[in-house]
Amino acid sequence: MEKKQHGGSRPGAGRKTKYESTVVMRVPEKYRDTIKALILHLDDTDMIDKNYSAVESEAVFQRSLKDKGQHIIFRTEPVIKK
């Protein structure tokens, strides 16, 4: 009987990521949109260097685990070596 040459897993198959490597992490579902906003902010500000000033994100409304409303703002600023 011949071994079939199609189907099954293949090396290099599947969706590629634009990031170096990724990890799976369990986080509370209510934080999902805030974490997505953080990743988007980091992607949008990856060009920040000494020639740019700090960039703040739009406020993201988030309820804490104790259900208290919060506005979360992400700030990215360049590292300036002295």
PDB file of N, CA and C in Angstrom:
ATOM      1  N   MET A   1       0.839  -1.176   0.000  1.00  0.00           N
ATOM      2  CA  MET A   1       0.000   0.000   0.000  1.00  0.00           C
ATOM      3  C   MET A   1       0.889   1.246   0.000  1.00  0.00           C
ATOM      4  N   GLU A   2       0.563   2.202  -0.859  1.00  0.00           N
ATOM      5  CA  GLU A   2       1.339   3.429  -0.954  1.00  0.00           C
ATOM      6  C   GLU A   2       0.915   4.426   0.117  1.00  0.00           C
ATOM      7  N   LYS A   3       1.894   5.168   0.623  1.00  0.00           N
ATOM      8  CA  LYS A   3       1.589   6.226   1.580  1.00  0.00           C
ATOM      9  C   LYS A   3       1.126   7.451   0.799  1.00  0.00           C
ATOM     10  N   LYS A   4      -0.003   8.024   1.207  1.00  0.00           N
ATOM     11  CA  LYS A   4      -0.546   9.181   0.491  1.00  0.00           C
ATOM     12  C   LYS A   4       0.358  10.395   0.719  1.00  0.00           C
ATOM     13  N   GLN A   5       0.501  11.219  -0.303  1.00  0.00           N
ATOM     14  CA  GLN A   5       1.386  12.374  -0.268  1.00  0.00           C
ATOM     15  C   GLN A   5       0.632  13.697  -0.113  1.00  0.00           C
ATOM     16  N   HIS A   6      -0.626  13.634   0.202  1.00  0.00           N
ATOM     17  CA  HIS A   6      -1.366  14.881   0.379  1.00  0.00           C
ATOM     18  C   HIS A   6      -2.179  14.823   1.675  1.00  0.00           C
ATOM     19  N   GLY A   7      -2.562  16.025   2.147  1.00  0.00           N
ATOM     20  CA  GLY A   7      -3.306  16.103   3.405  1.00  0.00           C
ATOM     21  C   GLY A   7      -2.375  16.132   4.605  1.00  0.00           C
ATOM     22  N   GLY A   8      -2.920  16.428   5.750  1.00  0.00           N
ATOM     23  CA  GLY A   8      -2.120  16.455   6.978  1.00  0.00           C
ATOM     24  C   GLY A   8      -1.350  17.752   7.143  1.00  0.00           C
ATOM     25  N   SER A   9      -0.579  17.842   8.204  1.00  0.00           N
ATOM     26  CA  SER A   9       0.186  19.059   8.465  1.00  0.00           C
ATOM     27  C   SER A   9       1.428  19.102   7.595  1.00  0.00           C
ATOM     28  N   ARG A  10       1.815  20.341   7.259  1.00  0.00           N
ATOM     29  CA  ARG A  10       3.008  20.537   6.434  1.00  0.00           C
ATOM     30  C   ARG A  10       3.870  21.615   7.081  1.00  0.00           C
ATOM     31  N   PRO A  11       5.166  21.452   7.048  1.00  0.00           N
ATOM     32  CA  PRO A  11       6.043  22.488   7.613  1.00  0.00           C
ATOM     33  C   PRO A  11       5.856  23.810   6.863  1.00  0.00           C
ATOM     34  N   GLY A  12       5.765  24.907   7.615  1.00  0.00           N
ATOM     35  CA  GLY A  12       5.636  26.226   6.999  1.00  0.00           C
ATOM     36  C   GLY A  12       4.222  26.590   6.586  1.00  0.00           C
ATOM     37  N   ALA A  13       3.271  25.697   6.786  1.00  0.00           N
ATOM     38  CA  ALA A  13       1.892  25.992   6.409  1.00  0.00           C
ATOM     39  C   ALA A  13       1.228  26.844   7.484  1.00  0.00           C
ATOM     40  N   GLY A  14       0.193  27.544   7.120  1.00  0.00           N
ATOM     41  CA  GLY A  14      -0.569  28.330   8.092  1.00  0.00           C
ATOM     42  C   GLY A  14      -0.310  29.817   7.978  1.00  0.00           C
ATOM     43  N   ARG A  15      -1.119  30.577   8.687  1.00  0.00           N
ATOM     44  CA  ARG A  15      -1.029  32.030   8.646  1.00  0.00           C
ATOM     45  C   ARG A  15       0.261  32.503   9.302  1.00  0.00           C
ATOM     46  N   LYS A  16       0.917  33.441   8.654  1.00  0.00           N
ATOM     47  CA  LYS A  16       2.150  34.012   9.196  1.00  0.00           C
ATOM     48  C   LYS A  16       1.816  35.232  10.041  1.00  0.00           C
ATOM     49  N   THR A  17       2.637  35.524  11.030  1.00  0.00           N
ATOM     50  CA  THR A  17       2.440  36.687  11.880  1.00  0.00           C
ATOM     51  C   THR A  17       3.425  37.776  11.487  1.00  0.00           C
ATOM     52  N   LYS A  18       3.040  39.028  11.692  1.00  0.00           N
ATOM     53  CA  LYS A  18       3.968  40.124  11.403  1.00  0.00           C
ATOM     54  C   LYS A  18       4.922  40.368  12.570  1.00  0.00           C
ATOM     55  N   TYR A  19       4.724  39.651  13.670  1.00  0.00           N
ATOM     56  CA  TYR A  19       5.552  39.812  14.852  1.00  0.00           C
ATOM     57  C   TYR A  19       6.629  38.738  14.875  1.00  0.00           C
ATOM     58  N   GLU A  20       7.681  38.960  15.652  1.00  0.00           N
ATOM     59  CA  GLU A  20       8.787  37.998  15.740  1.00  0.00           C
ATOM     60  C   GLU A  20       8.286  36.643  16.204  1.00  0.00           C
ATOM     61  N   SER A  21       7.630  36.615  17.327  1.00  0.00           N
ATOM     62  CA  SER A  21       7.033  35.389  17.823  1.00  0.00           C
ATOM     63  C   SER A  21       5.840  35.797  18.693  1.00  0.00           C
ATOM     64  N   THR A  22       4.944  34.884  18.917  1.00  0.00           N
ATOM     65  CA  THR A  22       3.756  35.193  19.697  1.00  0.00           C
ATOM     66  C   THR A  22       3.578  34.166  20.801  1.00  0.00           C
ATOM     67  N   VAL A  23       2.758  34.508  21.776  1.00  0.00           N
ATOM     68  CA  VAL A  23       2.435  33.592  22.861  1.00  0.00           C
ATOM     69  C   VAL A  23       0.927  33.609  23.071  1.00  0.00           C
ATOM     70  N   VAL A  24       0.428  32.552  23.604  1.00  0.00           N
ATOM     71  CA  VAL A  24      -0.981  32.466  23.978  1.00  0.00           C
ATOM     72  C   VAL A  24      -1.075  32.821  25.454  1.00  0.00           C
ATOM     73  N   MET A  25      -2.025  33.688  25.790  1.00  0.00           N
ATOM     74  CA  MET A  25      -2.150  34.141  27.169  1.00  0.00           C
ATOM     75  C   MET A  25      -3.631  34.215  27.522  1.00  0.00           C
ATOM     76  N   ARG A  26      -3.964  33.791  28.702  1.00  0.00           N
ATOM     77  CA  ARG A  26      -5.348  33.898  29.166  1.00  0.00           C
ATOM     78  C   ARG A  26      -5.508  35.201  29.935  1.00  0.00           C
ATOM     79  N   VAL A  27      -6.437  36.023  29.486  1.00  0.00           N
ATOM     80  CA  VAL A  27      -6.737  37.284  30.158  1.00  0.00           C
ATOM     81  C   VAL A  27      -8.248  37.373  30.336  1.00  0.00           C
ATOM     82  N   PRO A  28      -8.702  38.148  31.315  1.00  0.00           N
ATOM     83  CA  PRO A  28     -10.145  38.312  31.470  1.00  0.00           C
ATOM     84  C   PRO A  28     -10.763  38.868  30.177  1.00  0.00           C
ATOM     85  N   GLU A  29     -11.898  38.322  29.790  1.00  0.00           N
ATOM     86  CA  GLU A  29     -12.547  38.714  28.540  1.00  0.00           C
ATOM     87  C   GLU A  29     -12.835  40.212  28.491  1.00  0.00           C
ATOM     88  N   LYS A  30     -13.170  40.804  29.624  1.00  0.00           N
ATOM     89  CA  LYS A  30     -13.500  42.230  29.616  1.00  0.00           C
ATOM     90  C   LYS A  30     -12.292  43.100  29.289  1.00  0.00           C
ATOM     91  N   TYR A  31     -11.066  42.556  29.359  1.00  0.00           N
ATOM     92  CA  TYR A  31      -9.864  43.324  29.020  1.00  0.00           C
ATOM     93  C   TYR A  31      -9.454  43.173  27.557  1.00  0.00           C
ATOM     94  N   ARG A  32     -10.140  42.340  26.815  1.00  0.00           N
ATOM     95  CA  ARG A  32      -9.746  42.034  25.436  1.00  0.00           C
ATOM     96  C   ARG A  32      -9.604  43.288  24.576  1.00  0.00           C
ATOM     97  N   ASP A  33     -10.611  44.164  24.562  1.00  0.00           N
ATOM     98  CA  ASP A  33     -10.557  45.345  23.699  1.00  0.00           C
ATOM     99  C   ASP A  33      -9.443  46.306  24.110  1.00  0.00           C
ATOM    100  N   THR A  34      -9.183  46.406  25.414  1.00  0.00           N
ATOM    101  CA  THR A  34      -8.108  47.275  25.885  1.00  0.00           C
ATOM    102  C   THR A  34      -6.744  46.731  25.457  1.00  0.00           C
ATOM    103  N   ILE A  35      -6.567  45.437  25.518  1.00  0.00           N
ATOM    104  CA  ILE A  35      -5.304  44.826  25.092  1.00  0.00           C
ATOM    105  C   ILE A  35      -5.119  44.993  23.585  1.00  0.00           C
ATOM    106  N   LYS A  36      -6.197  44.848  22.826  1.00  0.00           N
ATOM    107  CA  LYS A  36      -6.118  45.082  21.377  1.00  0.00           C
ATOM    108  C   LYS A  36      -5.745  46.536  21.092  1.00  0.00           C
ATOM    109  N   ALA A  37      -6.305  47.472  21.880  1.00  0.00           N
ATOM    110  CA  ALA A  37      -5.973  48.888  21.709  1.00  0.00           C
ATOM    111  C   ALA A  37      -4.502  49.143  22.025  1.00  0.00           C
ATOM    112  N   LEU A  38      -3.964  48.470  23.043  1.00  0.00           N
ATOM    113  CA  LEU A  38      -2.538  48.608  23.370  1.00  0.00           C
ATOM    114  C   LEU A  38      -1.673  48.117  22.210  1.00  0.00           C
ATOM    115  N   ILE A  39      -1.993  46.956  21.665  1.00  0.00           N
ATOM    116  CA  ILE A  39      -1.214  46.416  20.547  1.00  0.00           C
ATOM    117  C   ILE A  39      -1.281  47.355  19.346  1.00  0.00           C
ATOM    118  N   LEU A  40      -2.454  47.883  19.045  1.00  0.00           N
ATOM    119  CA  LEU A  40      -2.605  48.828  17.941  1.00  0.00           C
ATOM    120  C   LEU A  40      -1.772  50.084  18.185  1.00  0.00           C
ATOM    121  N   HIS A  41      -1.803  50.600  19.422  1.00  0.00           N
ATOM    122  CA  HIS A  41      -1.003  51.786  19.762  1.00  0.00           C
ATOM    123  C   HIS A  41       0.488  51.507  19.580  1.00  0.00           C
ATOM    124  N   LEU A  42       0.950  50.360  20.033  1.00  0.00           N
ATOM    125  CA  LEU A  42       2.365  50.014  19.877  1.00  0.00           C
ATOM    126  C   LEU A  42       2.747  49.878  18.403  1.00  0.00           C
ATOM    127  N   ASP A  43       1.871  49.290  17.598  1.00  0.00           N
ATOM    128  CA  ASP A  43       2.136  49.170  16.165  1.00  0.00           C
ATOM    129  C   ASP A  43       2.168  50.541  15.496  1.00  0.00           C
ATOM    130  N   ASP A  44       1.247  51.425  15.902  1.00  0.00           N
ATOM    131  CA  ASP A  44       1.165  52.758  15.293  1.00  0.00           C
ATOM    132  C   ASP A  44       2.322  53.664  15.688  1.00  0.00           C
ATOM    133  N   THR A  45       2.985  53.379  16.803  1.00  0.00           N
ATOM    134  CA  THR A  45       4.058  54.259  17.283  1.00  0.00           C
ATOM    135  C   THR A  45       5.429  53.593  17.203  1.00  0.00           C
ATOM    136  N   ASP A  46       5.564  52.570  16.388  1.00  0.00           N
ATOM    137  CA  ASP A  46       6.851  51.867  16.319  1.00  0.00           C
ATOM    138  C   ASP A  46       7.953  52.706  15.689  1.00  0.00           C
ATOM    139  N   MET A  47       7.604  53.832  15.063  1.00  0.00           N
ATOM    140  CA  MET A  47       8.612  54.694  14.447  1.00  0.00           C
ATOM    141  C   MET A  47       9.182  55.715  15.427  1.00  0.00           C
ATOM    142  N   ILE A  48       8.670  55.748  16.647  1.00  0.00           N
ATOM    143  CA  ILE A  48       9.109  56.745  17.635  1.00  0.00           C
ATOM    144  C   ILE A  48      10.604  56.592  17.906  1.00  0.00           C
ATOM    145  N   ASP A  49      11.322  57.669  17.750  1.00  0.00           N
ATOM    146  CA  ASP A  49      12.733  57.710  18.110  1.00  0.00           C
ATOM    147  C   ASP A  49      13.038  59.102  18.647  1.00  0.00           C
ATOM    148  N   LYS A  50      14.313  59.435  18.789  1.00  0.00           N
ATOM    149  CA  LYS A  50      14.690  60.706  19.413  1.00  0.00           C
ATOM    150  C   LYS A  50      14.184  61.928  18.654  1.00  0.00           C
ATOM    151  N   ASN A  51      13.751  61.750  17.406  1.00  0.00           N
ATOM    152  CA  ASN A  51      13.264  62.870  16.603  1.00  0.00           C
ATOM    153  C   ASN A  51      11.768  63.123  16.793  1.00  0.00           C
ATOM    154  N   TYR A  52      11.119  62.316  17.584  1.00  0.00           N
ATOM    155  CA  TYR A  52       9.681  62.445  17.813  1.00  0.00           C
ATOM    156  C   TYR A  52       9.415  62.752  19.274  1.00  0.00           C
ATOM    157  N   SER A  53       8.321  63.442  19.512  1.00  0.00           N
ATOM    158  CA  SER A  53       7.900  63.643  20.895  1.00  0.00           C
ATOM    159  C   SER A  53       6.957  62.504  21.281  1.00  0.00           C
ATOM    160  N   ALA A  54       6.565  62.478  22.515  1.00  0.00           N
ATOM    161  CA  ALA A  54       5.706  61.406  23.025  1.00  0.00           C
ATOM    162  C   ALA A  54       4.352  61.415  22.313  1.00  0.00           C
ATOM    163  N   VAL A  55       3.763  60.238  22.198  1.00  0.00           N
ATOM    164  CA  VAL A  55       2.448  60.082  21.573  1.00  0.00           C
ATOM    165  C   VAL A  55       1.541  59.377  22.560  1.00  0.00           C
ATOM    166  N   GLU A  56       0.358  59.941  22.775  1.00  0.00           N
ATOM    167  CA  GLU A  56      -0.631  59.320  23.649  1.00  0.00           C
ATOM    168  C   GLU A  56      -1.786  58.792  22.816  1.00  0.00           C
ATOM    169  N   SER A  57      -2.338  57.683  23.267  1.00  0.00           N
ATOM    170  CA  SER A  57      -3.472  57.081  22.569  1.00  0.00           C
ATOM    171  C   SER A  57      -4.762  57.783  22.965  1.00  0.00           C
ATOM    172  N   GLU A  58      -5.804  57.503  22.220  1.00  0.00           N
ATOM    173  CA  GLU A  58      -7.145  57.906  22.628  1.00  0.00           C
ATOM    174  C   GLU A  58      -7.474  57.145  23.916  1.00  0.00           C
ATOM    175  N   ALA A  59      -8.293  57.717  24.748  1.00  0.00           N
ATOM    176  CA  ALA A  59      -8.690  57.035  25.983  1.00  0.00           C
ATOM    177  C   ALA A  59      -9.580  55.839  25.647  1.00  0.00           C
ATOM    178  N   VAL A  60      -9.314  54.736  26.312  1.00  0.00           N
ATOM    179  CA  VAL A  60     -10.119  53.527  26.153  1.00  0.00           C
ATOM    180  C   VAL A  60     -10.887  53.333  27.457  1.00  0.00           C
ATOM    181  N   PHE A  61     -12.216  53.245  27.359  1.00  0.00           N
ATOM    182  CA  PHE A  61     -13.010  53.021  28.565  1.00  0.00           C
ATOM    183  C   PHE A  61     -12.914  51.555  28.946  1.00  0.00           C
ATOM    184  N   GLN A  62     -12.638  51.303  30.219  1.00  0.00           N
ATOM    185  CA  GLN A  62     -12.452  49.933  30.704  1.00  0.00           C
ATOM    186  C   GLN A  62     -13.076  49.807  32.078  1.00  0.00           C
ATOM    187  N   ARG A  63     -13.762  48.718  32.310  1.00  0.00           N
ATOM    188  CA  ARG A  63     -14.265  48.432  33.650  1.00  0.00           C
ATOM    189  C   ARG A  63     -13.292  47.484  34.326  1.00  0.00           C
ATOM    190  N   SER A  64     -12.937  47.795  35.566  1.00  0.00           N
ATOM    191  CA  SER A  64     -12.010  46.941  36.309  1.00  0.00           C
ATOM    192  C   SER A  64     -12.704  45.640  36.683  1.00  0.00           C
ATOM    193  N   LEU A  65     -11.941  44.712  37.241  1.00  0.00           N
ATOM    194  CA  LEU A  65     -12.541  43.447  37.678  1.00  0.00           C
ATOM    195  C   LEU A  65     -13.577  43.677  38.779  1.00  0.00           C
ATOM    196  N   LYS A  66     -13.439  44.797  39.501  1.00  0.00           N
ATOM    197  CA  LYS A  66     -14.434  45.151  40.526  1.00  0.00           C
ATOM    198  C   LYS A  66     -15.517  46.062  39.950  1.00  0.00           C
ATOM    199  N   ASP A  67     -15.558  46.153  38.611  1.00  0.00           N
ATOM    200  CA  ASP A  67     -16.586  46.865  37.853  1.00  0.00           C
ATOM    201  C   ASP A  67     -16.554  48.382  38.031  1.00  0.00           C
ATOM    202  N   LYS A  68     -15.397  48.944  38.285  1.00  0.00           N
ATOM    203  CA  LYS A  68     -15.248  50.395  38.367  1.00  0.00           C
ATOM    204  C   LYS A  68     -14.794  50.912  37.007  1.00  0.00           C
ATOM    205  N   GLY A  69     -15.449  51.970  36.518  1.00  0.00           N
ATOM    206  CA  GLY A  69     -15.096  52.547  35.225  1.00  0.00           C
ATOM    207  C   GLY A  69     -13.747  53.242  35.264  1.00  0.00           C
ATOM    208  N   GLN A  70     -12.979  53.081  34.190  1.00  0.00           N
ATOM    209  CA  GLN A  70     -11.647  53.700  34.092  1.00  0.00           C
ATOM    210  C   GLN A  70     -11.420  54.128  32.648  1.00  0.00           C
ATOM    211  N   HIS A  71     -10.615  55.158  32.462  1.00  0.00           N
ATOM    212  CA  HIS A  71     -10.130  55.509  31.135  1.00  0.00           C
ATOM    213  C   HIS A  71      -8.651  55.148  31.100  1.00  0.00           C
ATOM    214  N   ILE A  72      -8.283  54.344  30.134  1.00  0.00           N
ATOM    215  CA  ILE A  72      -6.901  53.901  29.983  1.00  0.00           C
ATOM    216  C   ILE A  72      -6.282  54.664  28.816  1.00  0.00           C
ATOM    217  N   ILE A  73      -5.118  55.263  29.039  1.00  0.00           N
ATOM    218  CA  ILE A  73      -4.393  55.991  27.995  1.00  0.00           C
ATOM    219  C   ILE A  73      -2.982  55.422  27.925  1.00  0.00           C
ATOM    220  N   PHE A  74      -2.558  55.079  26.720  1.00  0.00           N
ATOM    221  CA  PHE A  74      -1.209  54.563  26.511  1.00  0.00           C
ATOM    222  C   PHE A  74      -0.322  55.702  26.020  1.00  0.00           C
ATOM    223  N   ARG A  75       0.894  55.759  26.507  1.00  0.00           N
ATOM    224  CA  ARG A  75       1.848  56.812  26.123  1.00  0.00           C
ATOM    225  C   ARG A  75       3.149  56.158  25.699  1.00  0.00           C
ATOM    226  N   THR A  76       3.606  56.526  24.517  1.00  0.00           N
ATOM    227  CA  THR A  76       4.880  56.038  24.011  1.00  0.00           C
ATOM    228  C   THR A  76       5.795  57.241  23.831  1.00  0.00           C
ATOM    229  N   GLU A  77       6.990  57.140  24.373  1.00  0.00           N
ATOM    230  CA  GLU A  77       7.956  58.224  24.205  1.00  0.00           C
ATOM    231  C   GLU A  77       9.327  57.627  23.918  1.00  0.00           C
ATOM    232  N   PRO A  78      10.154  58.377  23.200  1.00  0.00           N
ATOM    233  CA  PRO A  78      11.467  57.851  22.853  1.00  0.00           C
ATOM    234  C   PRO A  78      12.383  57.764  24.067  1.00  0.00           C
ATOM    235  N   VAL A  79      13.300  56.828  24.013  1.00  0.00           N
ATOM    236  CA  VAL A  79      14.342  56.737  25.026  1.00  0.00           C
ATOM    237  C   VAL A  79      15.488  57.613  24.536  1.00  0.00           C
ATOM    238  N   ILE A  80      15.826  58.609  25.316  1.00  0.00           N
ATOM    239  CA  ILE A  80      16.894  59.532  24.939  1.00  0.00           C
ATOM    240  C   ILE A  80      18.096  59.246  25.819  1.00  0.00           C
ATOM    241  N   LYS A  81      19.158  58.793  25.189  1.00  0.00           N
ATOM    242  CA  LYS A  81      20.385  58.485  25.945  1.00  0.00           C
ATOM    243  C   LYS A  81      21.133  59.767  26.224  1.00  0.00           C
ATOM    244  N   LYS A  82      21.625  59.887  27.434  1.00  0.00           N
ATOM    245  CA  LYS A  82      22.361  61.096  27.823  1.00  0.00           C
ATOM    246  C   LYS A  82      23.831  60.845  27.854  1.00  0.00           C
TER     247      LYS A  82
END
